[in-house]
C-alpha atoms as a PDB file:
ATOM      1  CA  MET A   1       0.000   0.000   0.000  1.00  0.00           C
ATOM      2  CA  ARG A   2       1.101   3.569  -0.669  1.00  0.00           C
ATOM      3  CA  GLU A   3       2.093   5.660   2.354  1.00  0.00           C
ATOM      4  CA  VAL A   4       1.976   9.412   2.899  1.00  0.00           C
ATOM      5  CA  VAL A   5       4.031  11.496   5.316  1.00  0.00           C
ATOM      6  CA  LEU A   6       2.034  12.784   8.300  1.00  0.00           C
ATOM      7  CA  THR A   7       2.903  16.288   9.520  1.00  0.00           C
ATOM      8  CA  ASP A   8       2.085  18.902  12.108  1.00  0.00           C
ATOM      9  CA  THR A   9       0.680  22.270  10.988  1.00  0.00           C
ATOM     10  CA  GLN A  10       4.217  23.575  10.368  1.00  0.00           C
ATOM     11  CA  GLY A  11       4.969  20.703   7.989  1.00  0.00           C
ATOM     12  CA  ASN A  12       7.265  18.787  10.327  1.00  0.00           C
ATOM     13  CA  GLU A  13       7.128  15.027   9.790  1.00  0.00           C
ATOM     14  CA  THR A  14       5.294  13.141  12.539  1.00  0.00           C
ATOM     15  CA  GLY A  15       5.003   9.679  10.979  1.00  0.00           C
ATOM     16  CA  LEU A  16       3.539   7.723   8.089  1.00  0.00           C
ATOM     17  CA  ALA A  17       0.037   6.521   7.229  1.00  0.00           C
ATOM     18  CA  GLU A  18      -1.506   4.441   4.483  1.00  0.00           C
ATOM     19  CA  ILE A  19      -2.922   6.834   1.885  1.00  0.00           C
ATOM     20  CA  VAL A  20      -6.555   5.695   2.203  1.00  0.00           C
ATOM     21  CA  ASP A  21      -6.370   5.904   5.998  1.00  0.00           C
ATOM     22  CA  ALA A  22      -5.089   9.497   5.727  1.00  0.00           C
ATOM     23  CA  HIS A  23      -8.068  10.422   3.521  1.00  0.00           C
ATOM     24  CA  THR A  24     -10.909   8.749   5.444  1.00  0.00           C
ATOM     25  CA  GLY A  25     -12.617   9.303   8.786  1.00  0.00           C
ATOM     26  CA  GLU A  26     -11.579  12.688  10.135  1.00  0.00           C
ATOM     27  CA  GLY A  27      -8.529  12.649   7.862  1.00  0.00           C
ATOM     28  CA  LYS A  28      -4.908  12.877   8.957  1.00  0.00           C
ATOM     29  CA  LEU A  29      -2.795  15.932   8.239  1.00  0.00           C
ATOM     30  CA  HIS A  30      -0.205  14.908   5.665  1.00  0.00           C
ATOM     31  CA  ARG A  31       2.323  16.305   3.212  1.00  0.00           C
ATOM     32  CA  ALA A  32       1.196  17.164  -0.305  1.00  0.00           C
ATOM     33  CA  PHE A  33       2.025  19.490  -3.171  1.00  0.00           C
ATOM     34  CA  SER A  34      -0.046  21.485  -5.652  1.00  0.00           C
ATOM     35  CA  ILE A  35       1.457  22.517  -8.970  1.00  0.00           C
ATOM     36  CA  TYR A  36       0.331  25.621 -10.850  1.00  0.00           C
ATOM     37  CA  VAL A  37       1.723  25.882 -14.373  1.00  0.00           C
ATOM     38  CA  PHE A  38       1.339  29.289 -16.002  1.00  0.00           C
ATOM     39  CA  ARG A  39       2.100  30.926 -19.329  1.00  0.00           C
ATOM     40  CA  ASN A  40       2.062  34.511 -20.631  1.00  0.00           C
ATOM     41  CA  ASP A  41       3.250  36.140 -17.375  1.00  0.00           C
ATOM     42  CA  ARG A  42       0.634  34.322 -15.270  1.00  0.00           C
ATOM     43  CA  LYS A  43      -2.207  35.531 -17.478  1.00  0.00           C
ATOM     44  CA  GLU A  44      -3.110  31.874 -18.135  1.00  0.00           C
ATOM     45  CA  VAL A  45      -3.078  28.835 -15.874  1.00  0.00           C
ATOM     46  CA  LEU A  46      -3.237  25.187 -16.904  1.00  0.00           C
ATOM     47  CA  ILE A  47      -6.176  23.544 -15.123  1.00  0.00           C
ATOM     48  CA  GLN A  48      -7.551  20.025 -15.082  1.00  0.00           C
ATOM     49  CA  GLN A  49     -10.859  18.345 -14.466  1.00  0.00           C
ATOM     50  CA  ARG A  50     -10.153  15.445 -12.151  1.00  0.00           C
ATOM     51  CA  SER A  51     -10.976  11.980 -13.456  1.00  0.00           C
ATOM     52  CA  ALA A  52     -14.359  10.448 -12.618  1.00  0.00           C
ATOM     53  CA  ASP A  53     -12.364   7.589 -11.059  1.00  0.00           C
ATOM     54  CA  LYS A  54     -10.800   9.770  -8.339  1.00  0.00           C
ATOM     55  CA  MET A  55     -11.848   8.782  -4.827  1.00  0.00           C
ATOM     56  CA  LEU A  56     -12.112  12.398  -3.710  1.00  0.00           C
ATOM     57  CA  PHE A  57     -13.503  15.362  -5.634  1.00  0.00           C
ATOM     58  CA  PRO A  58     -14.079  13.496  -8.942  1.00  0.00           C
ATOM     59  CA  LEU A  59     -14.840  15.694 -11.977  1.00  0.00           C
ATOM     60  CA  ILE A  60     -14.009  18.852 -10.020  1.00  0.00           C
ATOM     61  CA  TRP A  61     -11.771  21.422 -11.722  1.00  0.00           C
ATOM     62  CA  ALA A  62      -8.389  21.841 -10.053  1.00  0.00           C
ATOM     63  CA  ASN A  63      -4.938  23.286 -10.602  1.00  0.00           C
ATOM     64  CA  THR A  64      -2.468  21.660 -12.989  1.00  0.00           C
ATOM     65  CA  CYS A  65      -1.455  18.747 -10.773  1.00  0.00           C
ATOM     66  CA  CYS A  66      -1.582  17.625  -7.117  1.00  0.00           C
ATOM     67  CA  SER A  67      -0.131  14.673  -5.286  1.00  0.00           C
ATOM     68  CA  HIS A  68       1.964  13.459  -2.367  1.00  0.00           C
ATOM     69  CA  PRO A  69       5.728  12.963  -2.201  1.00  0.00           C
ATOM     70  CA  PHE A  70       6.962   9.487  -1.382  1.00  0.00           C
ATOM     71  CA  PRO A  71       8.532   9.201   2.094  1.00  0.00           C
ATOM     72  CA  GLY A  72      12.044  10.663   1.796  1.00  0.00           C
ATOM     73  CA  GLU A  73      11.406  12.197  -1.650  1.00  0.00           C
ATOM     74  CA  ALA A  74      12.288  15.880  -2.185  1.00  0.00           C
ATOM     75  CA  MET A  75       9.245  18.031  -2.941  1.00  0.00           C
ATOM     76  CA  LEU A  76      10.546  19.453  -6.250  1.00  0.00           C
ATOM     77  CA  GLU A  77      11.525  16.000  -7.493  1.00  0.00           C
ATOM     78  CA  ALA A  78       8.102  14.645  -6.514  1.00  0.00           C
ATOM     79  CA  GLY A  79       6.448  17.512  -8.367  1.00  0.00           C
ATOM     80  CA  LYS A  80       8.448  16.949 -11.550  1.00  0.00           C
ATOM     81  CA  ARG A  81       7.767  13.200 -11.405  1.00  0.00           C
ATOM     82  CA  ARG A  82       4.043  13.633 -10.910  1.00  0.00           C
ATOM     83  CA  LEU A  83       3.686  16.398 -13.519  1.00  0.00           C
ATOM     84  CA  GLN A  84       5.141  14.003 -16.099  1.00  0.00           C
ATOM     85  CA  GLU A  85       3.016  11.033 -14.941  1.00  0.00           C
ATOM     86  CA  GLU A  86      -0.249  12.950 -14.743  1.00  0.00           C
ATOM     87  CA  CYS A  87      -0.006  15.672 -17.415  1.00  0.00           C
ATOM     88  CA  GLY A  88       2.712  14.337 -19.704  1.00  0.00           C
ATOM     89  CA  ILE A  89       4.744  17.534 -19.457  1.00  0.00           C
ATOM     90  CA  GLU A  90       8.182  18.525 -18.269  1.00  0.00           C
ATOM     91  CA  CYS A  91       8.536  21.895 -16.620  1.00  0.00           C
ATOM     92  CA  ALA A  92      11.026  23.530 -14.259  1.00  0.00           C
ATOM     93  CA  LEU A  93       9.323  24.078 -10.896  1.00  0.00           C
ATOM     94  CA  GLU A  94      10.003  26.247  -7.873  1.00  0.00           C
ATOM     95  CA  GLU A  95       8.545  26.351  -4.382  1.00  0.00           C
ATOM     96  CA  ALA A  96       6.204  29.293  -3.836  1.00  0.00           C
ATOM     97  CA  GLY A  97       4.847  28.939  -0.310  1.00  0.00           C
ATOM     98  CA  SER A  98       2.627  26.575   1.609  1.00  0.00           C
ATOM     99  CA  LEU A  99      -0.811  26.296   3.167  1.00  0.00           C
ATOM    100  CA  VAL A 100      -2.826  23.962   5.371  1.00  0.00           C
ATOM    101  CA  TYR A 101      -6.434  23.078   4.621  1.00  0.00           C
ATOM    102  CA  ARG A 102      -9.092  20.506   5.392  1.00  0.00           C
ATOM    103  CA  ALA A 103     -11.987  19.796   3.036  1.00  0.00           C
ATOM    104  CA  GLU A 104     -14.602  17.054   3.056  1.00  0.00           C
ATOM    105  CA  ASP A 105     -15.511  15.476  -0.271  1.00  0.00           C
ATOM    106  CA  PRO A 106     -19.007  16.701  -1.249  1.00  0.00           C
ATOM    107  CA  ASN A 107     -20.079  13.085  -1.930  1.00  0.00           C
ATOM    108  CA  GLY A 108     -19.000  11.916   1.543  1.00  0.00           C
ATOM    109  CA  ARG A 109     -16.189   9.714   0.216  1.00  0.00           C
ATOM    110  CA  GLY A 110     -13.495  11.090   2.489  1.00  0.00           C
ATOM    111  CA  VAL A 111     -11.474  14.132   3.404  1.00  0.00           C
ATOM    112  CA  GLU A 112      -8.410  16.047   2.278  1.00  0.00           C
ATOM    113  CA  HIS A 113      -6.357  17.346   5.220  1.00  0.00           C
ATOM    114  CA  GLU A 114      -3.057  18.501   3.863  1.00  0.00           C
ATOM    115  CA  HIS A 115       0.020  20.580   4.472  1.00  0.00           C
ATOM    116  CA  VAL A 116       0.534  21.691   0.873  1.00  0.00           C
ATOM    117  CA  THR A 117       3.694  23.043  -0.712  1.00  0.00           C
ATOM    118  CA  LEU A 118       2.795  25.261  -3.651  1.00  0.00           C
ATOM    119  CA  LEU A 119       4.935  24.662  -6.734  1.00  0.00           C
ATOM    120  CA  THR A 120       4.892  26.896  -9.795  1.00  0.00           C
ATOM    121  CA  GLY A 121       6.253  26.633 -13.293  1.00  0.00           C
ATOM    122  CA  ASN A 122       5.990  28.264 -16.703  1.00  0.00           C
ATOM    123  CA  LEU A 123       5.367  26.511 -19.987  1.00  0.00           C
ATOM    124  CA  ASP A 124       5.782  27.639 -23.587  1.00  0.00           C
ATOM    125  CA  GLU A 125       2.762  28.391 -25.762  1.00  0.00           C
ATOM    126  CA  ASP A 126       3.303  25.398 -28.013  1.00  0.00           C
ATOM    127  CA  ALA A 127       4.305  22.778 -25.412  1.00  0.00           C
ATOM    128  CA  PRO A 128       2.299  19.583 -25.992  1.00  0.00           C
ATOM    129  CA  LEU A 129      -0.052  18.345 -23.281  1.00  0.00           C
ATOM    130  CA  LEU A 130      -0.387  14.578 -22.847  1.00  0.00           C
ATOM    131  CA  PRO A 131      -2.801  14.059 -19.937  1.00  0.00           C
ATOM    132  CA  ASN A 132      -3.149  10.613 -18.380  1.00  0.00           C
ATOM    133  CA  PRO A 133      -6.859   9.683 -18.811  1.00  0.00           C
ATOM    134  CA  GLU A 134      -6.790   7.668 -15.581  1.00  0.00           C
ATOM    135  CA  GLU A 135      -6.005  10.899 -13.716  1.00  0.00           C
ATOM    136  CA  ILE A 136      -7.500  13.687 -15.835  1.00  0.00           C
ATOM    137  CA  ALA A 137     -10.893  13.940 -17.557  1.00  0.00           C
ATOM    138  CA  GLU A 138      -9.998  17.213 -19.306  1.00  0.00           C
ATOM    139  CA  ILE A 139      -7.108  19.676 -19.328  1.00  0.00           C
ATOM    140  CA  LYS A 140      -7.087  23.236 -20.654  1.00  0.00           C
ATOM    141  CA  TRP A 141      -5.439  26.632 -20.482  1.00  0.00           C
ATOM    142  CA  MET A 142      -7.653  29.259 -18.910  1.00  0.00           C
ATOM    143  CA  ASN A 143      -7.343  32.987 -18.411  1.00  0.00           C
ATOM    144  CA  THR A 144      -6.363  33.508 -14.765  1.00  0.00           C
ATOM    145  CA  GLU A 145      -8.815  36.363 -14.195  1.00  0.00           C
ATOM    146  CA  LYS A 146     -11.621  34.296 -15.701  1.00  0.00           C
ATOM    147  CA  VAL A 147     -10.816  31.380 -13.368  1.00  0.00           C
ATOM    148  CA  LEU A 148     -10.987  33.703 -10.360  1.00  0.00           C
ATOM    149  CA  SER A 149     -14.302  35.110 -11.576  1.00  0.00           C
ATOM    150  CA  GLU A 150     -15.781  31.646 -12.143  1.00  0.00           C
ATOM    151  CA  MET A 151     -14.571  30.517  -8.713  1.00  0.00           C
ATOM    152  CA  LYS A 152     -16.646  33.324  -7.185  1.00  0.00           C
ATOM    153  CA  GLU A 153     -19.717  32.517  -9.289  1.00  0.00           C
ATOM    154  CA  HIS A 154     -19.529  28.706  -9.043  1.00  0.00           C
ATOM    155  CA  PRO A 155     -17.193  27.800  -6.149  1.00  0.00           C
ATOM    156  CA  GLU A 156     -18.440  24.211  -5.979  1.00  0.00           C
ATOM    157  CA  THR A 157     -17.053  23.378  -9.434  1.00  0.00           C
ATOM    158  CA  TYR A 158     -13.480  24.067  -8.297  1.00  0.00           C
ATOM    159  CA  ALA A 159     -11.406  22.149  -5.752  1.00  0.00           C
ATOM    160  CA  PRO A 160     -11.112  23.862  -2.353  1.00  0.00           C
ATOM    161  CA  TRP A 161      -7.303  23.760  -2.441  1.00  0.00           C
ATOM    162  CA  PHE A 162      -7.331  25.367  -5.905  1.00  0.00           C
ATOM    163  CA  HIS A 163      -9.215  28.412  -4.556  1.00  0.00           C
ATOM    164  CA  LEU A 164      -6.712  28.796  -1.708  1.00  0.00           C
ATOM    165  CA  GLY A 165      -3.529  28.170  -3.676  1.00  0.00           C
ATOM    166  CA  LEU A 166      -4.318  30.329  -6.692  1.00  0.00           C
ATOM    167  CA  THR A 167      -5.382  33.249  -4.524  1.00  0.00           C
ATOM    168  CA  GLN A 168      -2.191  32.976  -2.459  1.00  0.00           C
ATOM    169  CA  LEU A 169       0.056  32.750  -5.526  1.00  0.00           C
ATOM    170  CA  LEU A 170      -1.515  35.724  -7.285  1.00  0.00           C
ATOM    171  CA  ALA A 171      -1.299  37.890  -4.162  1.00  0.00           C
ATOM    172  CA  VAL A 172       2.516  37.740  -4.297  1.00  0.00           C
END
């Protein structure tokens, strides 16, 4: 079974838990990352609609890619690995802050309770996108201001962590 790294609210490691155990019941605070890939000076962000097969928040629109580092894996390396596996793209990434959130799946399937490191990158206009259909139902570039506007009008169609992360990144 896959394990995630448990943390305190400052992100300090406190142990390990099986991934399903960390996402069920009350949830266990664990380490994660959220990647936001931009182009055109952050005027556009690459977003994805999560696969219908996802345990939590299926078919909800989210940032470019999210996941968990393996125990002992560096955050940037985990981000690069997962960006390739999930979106089929290679992109230089950098750390851009962190946040802690807890959100219950609207269908009652579990909970996300994560200490998230925000990772950002920039991609060229013509870079090919090769999304993994097991992970992503749809992927598209979207005007950043339009995403923020739609989040206000229809917050339930976007992942809770996406609201938090994008707002934090654009405030910098």
